[in-house]
């Protein structure tokens, strides 16, 4: 029986994040893609959500 990994729960701050619940990845708020924590570079502290890259972050800003 294989265990399906679950996403981490993070608290996003200005320039850093804190892991609240461990996991190998978080989900992009725009695309739904998994983002490994070691490659996570884009997020919104205000919205408390992660983005896979600059295009997704810009998409979310434009939607607001």
C-alpha atoms as a PDB file:
ATOM      1  CA  UNK A   1       0.000   0.000   0.000  1.00  0.00           C
ATOM      2  CA  UNK A   2       1.443   3.359  -1.009  1.00  0.00           C
ATOM      3  CA  UNK A   3       0.826   6.558   0.875  1.00  0.00           C
ATOM      4  CA  UNK A   4      -0.211   9.573  -1.163  1.00  0.00           C
ATOM      5  CA  UNK A   5       1.749  12.645  -0.028  1.00  0.00           C
ATOM      6  CA  UNK A   6      -0.349  15.503   1.279  1.00  0.00           C
ATOM      7  CA  UNK A   7       0.473  19.176   0.794  1.00  0.00           C
ATOM      8  CA  UNK A   8       2.154  21.185   3.506  1.00  0.00           C
ATOM      9  CA  UNK A   9       0.336  23.978   5.302  1.00  0.00           C
ATOM     10  CA  UNK A  10       2.353  27.187   5.430  1.00  0.00           C
ATOM     11  CA  UNK A  11       2.067  30.652   6.903  1.00  0.00           C
ATOM     12  CA  UNK A  12       3.347  33.097   4.297  1.00  0.00           C
ATOM     13  CA  UNK A  13       5.181  36.164   5.530  1.00  0.00           C
ATOM     14  CA  UNK A  14       7.075  38.972   3.823  1.00  0.00           C
ATOM     15  CA  UNK A  15      10.077  37.220   2.287  1.00  0.00           C
ATOM     16  CA  UNK A  16       9.743  34.002   4.280  1.00  0.00           C
ATOM     17  CA  UNK A  17       7.288  31.286   5.177  1.00  0.00           C
ATOM     18  CA  UNK A  18       6.780  29.036   8.178  1.00  0.00           C
ATOM     19  CA  UNK A  19       5.742  25.404   7.940  1.00  0.00           C
ATOM     20  CA  UNK A  20       2.641  24.778  10.059  1.00  0.00           C
ATOM     21  CA  UNK A  21       2.006  21.218   8.820  1.00  0.00           C
ATOM     22  CA  UNK A  22       4.848  19.328   7.128  1.00  0.00           C
ATOM     23  CA  UNK A  23       4.536  18.077   3.591  1.00  0.00           C
ATOM     24  CA  UNK A  24       6.704  17.888   0.478  1.00  0.00           C
ATOM     25  CA  UNK A  25       4.794  20.504  -1.531  1.00  0.00           C
ATOM     26  CA  UNK A  26       2.087  23.174  -1.597  1.00  0.00           C
ATOM     27  CA  UNK A  27      -0.530  23.758  -4.269  1.00  0.00           C
ATOM     28  CA  UNK A  28      -0.472  26.748  -6.604  1.00  0.00           C
ATOM     29  CA  UNK A  29      -3.557  28.902  -5.968  1.00  0.00           C
ATOM     30  CA  UNK A  30      -3.926  29.623  -9.693  1.00  0.00           C
ATOM     31  CA  UNK A  31      -2.960  26.434 -11.535  1.00  0.00           C
ATOM     32  CA  UNK A  32      -3.443  23.805  -8.828  1.00  0.00           C
ATOM     33  CA  UNK A  33       0.020  22.378  -9.594  1.00  0.00           C
ATOM     34  CA  UNK A  34       2.157  21.029  -6.792  1.00  0.00           C
ATOM     35  CA  UNK A  35       5.158  23.202  -5.890  1.00  0.00           C
ATOM     36  CA  UNK A  36       8.018  21.509  -4.012  1.00  0.00           C
ATOM     37  CA  UNK A  37       8.883  23.573  -0.929  1.00  0.00           C
ATOM     38  CA  UNK A  38      12.528  23.865  -1.961  1.00  0.00           C
ATOM     39  CA  UNK A  39      11.501  25.621  -5.199  1.00  0.00           C
ATOM     40  CA  UNK A  40       8.741  27.848  -3.762  1.00  0.00           C
ATOM     41  CA  UNK A  41       9.612  31.475  -4.609  1.00  0.00           C
ATOM     42  CA  UNK A  42       6.266  33.214  -5.187  1.00  0.00           C
ATOM     43  CA  UNK A  43       3.463  33.743  -2.677  1.00  0.00           C
ATOM     44  CA  UNK A  44       1.157  36.370  -1.247  1.00  0.00           C
ATOM     45  CA  UNK A  45       1.410  37.125   2.462  1.00  0.00           C
ATOM     46  CA  UNK A  46      -1.826  39.113   2.191  1.00  0.00           C
ATOM     47  CA  UNK A  47      -3.798  36.284   0.553  1.00  0.00           C
ATOM     48  CA  UNK A  48      -1.852  33.447   2.237  1.00  0.00           C
ATOM     49  CA  UNK A  49      -1.449  31.517  -1.008  1.00  0.00           C
ATOM     50  CA  UNK A  50       1.385  30.166  -3.153  1.00  0.00           C
ATOM     51  CA  UNK A  51       2.066  30.542  -6.881  1.00  0.00           C
ATOM     52  CA  UNK A  52       4.011  28.232  -9.199  1.00  0.00           C
ATOM     53  CA  UNK A  53       5.831  31.135 -10.848  1.00  0.00           C
ATOM     54  CA  UNK A  54       5.732  34.809 -11.767  1.00  0.00           C
ATOM     55  CA  UNK A  55       3.048  34.311 -14.434  1.00  0.00           C
ATOM     56  CA  UNK A  56       0.651  32.787 -11.910  1.00  0.00           C
ATOM     57  CA  UNK A  57       1.409  35.510  -9.346  1.00  0.00           C
ATOM     58  CA  UNK A  58       0.715  38.198 -11.957  1.00  0.00           C
ATOM     59  CA  UNK A  59      -2.493  36.442 -13.011  1.00  0.00           C
ATOM     60  CA  UNK A  60      -3.742  36.557  -9.424  1.00  0.00           C
ATOM     61  CA  UNK A  61      -2.782  40.259  -9.018  1.00  0.00           C
ATOM     62  CA  UNK A  62      -4.644  41.166 -12.205  1.00  0.00           C
ATOM     63  CA  UNK A  63      -7.747  39.296 -11.027  1.00  0.00           C
ATOM     64  CA  UNK A  64      -7.923  41.429  -7.864  1.00  0.00           C
END
